[in-house]
Amino acid sequence: MNTSKVDTYTEYLRSKYGNVKIQNIGKDQQSLDKIGKGMSGNDVVIAPNILEQMANDPKKAAYYECKIDDFFNATPRLKASFAAQGLDYQPCGVVVHEKSS
């Protein structure tokens, strides 16, 4: 693993998204609920193996960043849509799991 490349890329992601955590999160509801309780709506959690792929493969980086951007870009629209129905949309953030593709 090229640590300096991963570290540099992690800092880039933090400058772009803010709160970026590097950790594996299970896909089960209990794991998602647990991490969700500690998120503030604009958090990004990326599995270490995916971060390494992103740091070393510009196409992978673009793919995942696009997915993350899509989530954050949709948030205002979803908040408005939910509000129109009398609901409150409270996103936690984005989790990129270790076996994502």
N, C-alpha and C. Protein backbone atom coordinates (compact mmCIF):
# COMPACT_ATOMS: atom_id res chain seq x y z
N MET A 1 0.85 -1.18 0.00
CA MET A 1 0.00 0.00 0.00
C MET A 1 0.89 1.24 0.00
N ASN A 2 0.62 2.15 -0.89
CA ASN A 2 1.38 3.40 -0.99
C ASN A 2 0.76 4.41 -0.02
N THR A 3 1.26 4.43 1.20
CA THR A 3 0.67 5.23 2.27
C THR A 3 0.63 6.71 1.93
N SER A 4 1.71 7.24 1.38
CA SER A 4 1.72 8.68 1.11
C SER A 4 0.66 9.05 0.07
N LYS A 5 0.45 8.22 -0.92
CA LYS A 5 -0.57 8.48 -1.93
C LYS A 5 -1.96 8.43 -1.31
N VAL A 6 -2.19 7.44 -0.45
CA VAL A 6 -3.47 7.30 0.24
C VAL A 6 -3.69 8.49 1.17
N ASP A 7 -2.66 8.87 1.91
CA ASP A 7 -2.77 10.02 2.82
C ASP A 7 -3.07 11.30 2.06
N THR A 8 -2.37 11.51 0.96
CA THR A 8 -2.60 12.71 0.14
C THR A 8 -4.01 12.73 -0.40
N TYR A 9 -4.47 11.58 -0.87
CA TYR A 9 -5.83 11.50 -1.43
C TYR A 9 -6.87 11.70 -0.32
N THR A 10 -6.62 11.15 0.86
CA THR A 10 -7.53 11.33 1.99
C THR A 10 -7.66 12.81 2.33
N GLU A 11 -6.55 13.52 2.34
CA GLU A 11 -6.59 14.96 2.62
C GLU A 11 -7.38 15.70 1.54
N TYR A 12 -7.21 15.28 0.29
CA TYR A 12 -8.00 15.89 -0.80
C TYR A 12 -9.50 15.67 -0.54
N LEU A 13 -9.88 14.44 -0.18
CA LEU A 13 -11.29 14.15 0.08
C LEU A 13 -11.80 14.98 1.25
N ARG A 14 -10.99 15.16 2.27
CA ARG A 14 -11.41 15.97 3.43
C ARG A 14 -11.58 17.43 3.03
N SER A 15 -10.74 17.90 2.12
CA SER A 15 -10.89 19.29 1.67
C SER A 15 -12.15 19.45 0.83
N LYS A 16 -12.55 18.39 0.15
CA LYS A 16 -13.73 18.43 -0.72
C LYS A 16 -15.03 18.20 0.06
N TYR A 17 -15.02 17.23 0.98
CA TYR A 17 -16.26 16.82 1.65
C TYR A 17 -16.33 17.19 3.13
N GLY A 18 -15.23 17.50 3.75
CA GLY A 18 -15.26 17.80 5.18
C GLY A 18 -14.94 16.58 6.01
N ASN A 19 -15.93 16.07 6.71
CA ASN A 19 -15.73 14.97 7.65
C ASN A 19 -15.67 13.64 6.91
N VAL A 20 -14.47 13.15 6.68
CA VAL A 20 -14.23 11.87 6.00
C VAL A 20 -13.58 10.91 6.99
N LYS A 21 -14.23 9.76 7.18
CA LYS A 21 -13.68 8.72 8.07
C LYS A 21 -13.32 7.51 7.23
N ILE A 22 -12.27 6.84 7.63
CA ILE A 22 -11.81 5.64 6.95
C ILE A 22 -12.05 4.46 7.87
N GLN A 23 -13.07 3.65 7.56
CA GLN A 23 -13.35 2.47 8.36
C GLN A 23 -14.34 1.56 7.63
N ASN A 24 -14.28 0.29 7.98
CA ASN A 24 -15.24 -0.67 7.44
C ASN A 24 -16.52 -0.61 8.26
N ILE A 25 -17.63 -0.57 7.58
CA ILE A 25 -18.95 -0.57 8.20
C ILE A 25 -19.73 -1.75 7.61
N GLY A 26 -20.32 -2.55 8.47
CA GLY A 26 -21.13 -3.67 8.01
C GLY A 26 -22.36 -3.17 7.27
N LYS A 27 -22.91 -4.00 6.40
CA LYS A 27 -24.10 -3.63 5.65
C LYS A 27 -25.39 -3.99 6.40
N ASP A 28 -25.26 -4.60 7.57
CA ASP A 28 -26.44 -4.96 8.35
C ASP A 28 -27.05 -3.71 8.98
N GLN A 29 -28.32 -3.77 9.29
CA GLN A 29 -29.04 -2.61 9.81
C GLN A 29 -28.45 -2.08 11.12
N GLN A 30 -28.03 -2.99 12.00
CA GLN A 30 -27.47 -2.57 13.28
C GLN A 30 -26.20 -1.73 13.08
N SER A 31 -25.32 -2.18 12.18
CA SER A 31 -24.09 -1.42 11.91
C SER A 31 -24.39 -0.07 11.29
N LEU A 32 -25.35 -0.04 10.36
CA LEU A 32 -25.71 1.22 9.71
C LEU A 32 -26.37 2.18 10.70
N ASP A 33 -27.23 1.64 11.56
CA ASP A 33 -27.86 2.49 12.58
C ASP A 33 -26.82 3.08 13.52
N LYS A 34 -25.86 2.24 13.92
CA LYS A 34 -24.82 2.69 14.85
C LYS A 34 -24.00 3.83 14.25
N ILE A 35 -23.52 3.65 13.02
CA ILE A 35 -22.71 4.71 12.40
C ILE A 35 -23.57 5.93 12.09
N GLY A 36 -24.82 5.71 11.71
CA GLY A 36 -25.71 6.81 11.38
C GLY A 36 -25.95 7.75 12.55
N LYS A 37 -25.99 7.21 13.76
CA LYS A 37 -26.22 8.03 14.96
C LYS A 37 -25.08 9.01 15.21
N GLY A 38 -23.89 8.70 14.70
CA GLY A 38 -22.74 9.57 14.91
C GLY A 38 -22.45 10.49 13.73
N MET A 39 -23.33 10.46 12.73
CA MET A 39 -23.10 11.27 11.54
C MET A 39 -23.98 12.52 11.59
N SER A 40 -23.54 13.57 10.91
CA SER A 40 -24.25 14.85 10.98
C SER A 40 -24.91 15.25 9.66
N GLY A 41 -24.94 14.36 8.68
CA GLY A 41 -25.61 14.67 7.42
C GLY A 41 -24.66 14.91 6.26
N ASN A 42 -23.44 15.28 6.57
CA ASN A 42 -22.48 15.54 5.50
C ASN A 42 -21.23 14.69 5.65
N ASP A 43 -21.33 13.62 6.42
CA ASP A 43 -20.18 12.75 6.64
C ASP A 43 -20.00 11.77 5.48
N VAL A 44 -18.76 11.39 5.27
CA VAL A 44 -18.41 10.37 4.28
C VAL A 44 -17.55 9.33 5.01
N VAL A 45 -17.97 8.07 4.93
CA VAL A 45 -17.21 6.97 5.52
C VAL A 45 -16.82 6.04 4.37
N ILE A 46 -15.53 5.78 4.23
CA ILE A 46 -15.02 4.97 3.13
C ILE A 46 -14.20 3.81 3.70
N ALA A 47 -14.47 2.62 3.20
CA ALA A 47 -13.69 1.45 3.61
C ALA A 47 -12.24 1.62 3.16
N PRO A 48 -11.28 1.17 3.97
CA PRO A 48 -9.86 1.35 3.64
C PRO A 48 -9.47 0.79 2.28
N ASN A 49 -10.00 -0.39 1.91
CA ASN A 49 -9.62 -0.96 0.62
C ASN A 49 -10.14 -0.13 -0.55
N ILE A 50 -11.31 0.47 -0.39
CA ILE A 50 -11.87 1.32 -1.45
C ILE A 50 -11.07 2.61 -1.54
N LEU A 51 -10.70 3.17 -0.39
CA LEU A 51 -9.88 4.38 -0.40
C LEU A 51 -8.56 4.13 -1.13
N GLU A 52 -7.95 2.98 -0.88
CA GLU A 52 -6.69 2.65 -1.56
C GLU A 52 -6.90 2.55 -3.07
N GLN A 53 -7.99 1.92 -3.48
CA GLN A 53 -8.30 1.83 -4.92
C GLN A 53 -8.48 3.23 -5.51
N MET A 54 -9.22 4.08 -4.80
CA MET A 54 -9.46 5.44 -5.28
C MET A 54 -8.16 6.23 -5.40
N ALA A 55 -7.28 6.07 -4.42
CA ALA A 55 -6.01 6.80 -4.42
C ALA A 55 -5.11 6.38 -5.56
N ASN A 56 -5.26 5.14 -6.02
CA ASN A 56 -4.35 4.60 -7.03
C ASN A 56 -4.97 4.46 -8.42
N ASP A 57 -6.26 4.72 -8.55
CA ASP A 57 -6.94 4.55 -9.84
C ASP A 57 -7.88 5.73 -10.08
N PRO A 58 -7.49 6.67 -10.94
CA PRO A 58 -8.31 7.85 -11.19
C PRO A 58 -9.74 7.53 -11.65
N LYS A 59 -9.90 6.42 -12.38
CA LYS A 59 -11.26 6.05 -12.82
C LYS A 59 -12.12 5.63 -11.63
N LYS A 60 -11.54 4.86 -10.71
CA LYS A 60 -12.26 4.47 -9.49
C LYS A 60 -12.58 5.71 -8.66
N ALA A 61 -11.61 6.60 -8.54
CA ALA A 61 -11.82 7.82 -7.77
C ALA A 61 -12.98 8.62 -8.36
N ALA A 62 -12.99 8.79 -9.66
CA ALA A 62 -14.06 9.55 -10.32
C ALA A 62 -15.41 8.87 -10.11
N TYR A 63 -15.43 7.54 -10.20
CA TYR A 63 -16.67 6.78 -10.02
C TYR A 63 -17.26 7.02 -8.63
N TYR A 64 -16.44 6.82 -7.60
CA TYR A 64 -16.93 6.96 -6.23
C TYR A 64 -17.24 8.41 -5.88
N GLU A 65 -16.40 9.33 -6.33
CA GLU A 65 -16.67 10.74 -6.05
C GLU A 65 -17.98 11.17 -6.71
N CYS A 66 -18.25 10.66 -7.89
CA CYS A 66 -19.52 10.97 -8.57
C CYS A 66 -20.70 10.47 -7.75
N LYS A 67 -20.59 9.26 -7.21
CA LYS A 67 -21.66 8.69 -6.38
C LYS A 67 -21.86 9.54 -5.12
N ILE A 68 -20.77 9.95 -4.50
CA ILE A 68 -20.85 10.77 -3.29
C ILE A 68 -21.47 12.14 -3.64
N ASP A 69 -21.00 12.74 -4.72
CA ASP A 69 -21.53 14.03 -5.17
C ASP A 69 -23.02 13.93 -5.47
N ASP A 70 -23.44 12.85 -6.12
CA ASP A 70 -24.86 12.66 -6.45
C ASP A 70 -25.70 12.66 -5.18
N PHE A 71 -25.22 11.97 -4.14
CA PHE A 71 -25.95 11.93 -2.88
C PHE A 71 -26.13 13.34 -2.32
N PHE A 72 -25.03 14.09 -2.23
CA PHE A 72 -25.10 15.43 -1.64
C PHE A 72 -25.88 16.40 -2.52
N ASN A 73 -25.78 16.24 -3.83
CA ASN A 73 -26.53 17.12 -4.73
C ASN A 73 -28.03 16.86 -4.66
N ALA A 74 -28.42 15.63 -4.35
CA ALA A 74 -29.84 15.28 -4.26
C ALA A 74 -30.47 15.71 -2.95
N THR A 75 -29.68 15.96 -1.94
CA THR A 75 -30.21 16.25 -0.61
C THR A 75 -31.18 17.44 -0.59
N PRO A 76 -30.87 18.59 -1.18
CA PRO A 76 -31.83 19.70 -1.13
C PRO A 76 -33.17 19.35 -1.80
N ARG A 77 -33.11 18.66 -2.92
CA ARG A 77 -34.33 18.26 -3.61
C ARG A 77 -35.16 17.30 -2.76
N LEU A 78 -34.48 16.35 -2.14
CA LEU A 78 -35.18 15.38 -1.29
C LEU A 78 -35.77 16.05 -0.05
N LYS A 79 -35.03 16.98 0.55
CA LYS A 79 -35.56 17.70 1.71
C LYS A 79 -36.84 18.45 1.33
N ALA A 80 -36.82 19.11 0.17
CA ALA A 80 -38.00 19.85 -0.29
C ALA A 80 -39.16 18.91 -0.57
N SER A 81 -38.87 17.78 -1.21
CA SER A 81 -39.91 16.81 -1.53
C SER A 81 -40.55 16.25 -0.26
N PHE A 82 -39.72 15.91 0.71
CA PHE A 82 -40.24 15.38 1.98
C PHE A 82 -41.05 16.45 2.71
N ALA A 83 -40.54 17.69 2.72
CA ALA A 83 -41.22 18.78 3.41
C ALA A 83 -42.61 19.02 2.81
N ALA A 84 -42.73 18.88 1.49
CA ALA A 84 -44.01 19.06 0.82
C ALA A 84 -45.03 18.02 1.28
N GLN A 85 -44.53 16.90 1.80
CA GLN A 85 -45.41 15.84 2.30
C GLN A 85 -45.55 15.90 3.82
N GLY A 86 -44.99 16.95 4.43
CA GLY A 86 -45.05 17.09 5.87
C GLY A 86 -44.05 16.22 6.60
N LEU A 87 -43.03 15.76 5.88
CA LEU A 87 -42.03 14.88 6.48
C LEU A 87 -40.70 15.63 6.62
N ASP A 88 -39.83 15.11 7.46
CA ASP A 88 -38.52 15.71 7.68
C ASP A 88 -37.45 14.74 7.18
N TYR A 89 -36.72 15.13 6.15
CA TYR A 89 -35.65 14.30 5.58
C TYR A 89 -34.36 14.61 6.32
N GLN A 90 -33.79 13.61 7.00
CA GLN A 90 -32.57 13.79 7.78
C GLN A 90 -31.50 12.80 7.31
N PRO A 91 -30.75 13.15 6.26
CA PRO A 91 -29.70 12.25 5.81
C PRO A 91 -28.56 12.19 6.83
N CYS A 92 -27.95 11.03 6.94
CA CYS A 92 -26.82 10.87 7.86
C CYS A 92 -25.50 11.17 7.16
N GLY A 93 -25.37 10.68 5.95
CA GLY A 93 -24.14 10.82 5.20
C GLY A 93 -24.00 9.65 4.25
N VAL A 94 -22.80 9.45 3.77
CA VAL A 94 -22.53 8.43 2.76
C VAL A 94 -21.57 7.39 3.34
N VAL A 95 -21.87 6.12 3.10
CA VAL A 95 -20.98 5.03 3.48
C VAL A 95 -20.61 4.27 2.22
N VAL A 96 -19.30 4.14 1.96
CA VAL A 96 -18.80 3.34 0.85
C VAL A 96 -18.23 2.07 1.47
N HIS A 97 -18.93 0.96 1.25
CA HIS A 97 -18.57 -0.31 1.87
C HIS A 97 -17.37 -0.95 1.17
N GLU A 98 -16.73 -1.89 1.87
CA GLU A 98 -15.53 -2.51 1.37
C GLU A 98 -15.73 -3.33 0.10
N LYS A 99 -16.92 -3.83 -0.14
CA LYS A 99 -17.16 -4.62 -1.35
C LYS A 99 -18.01 -3.85 -2.34
N SER A 100 -17.94 -2.52 -2.30
CA SER A 100 -18.68 -1.69 -3.25
C SER A 100 -18.06 -1.81 -4.63
N SER A 101 -18.85 -1.48 -5.62
CA SER A 101 -18.31 -1.48 -7.00
C SER A 101 -18.92 -0.39 -7.80
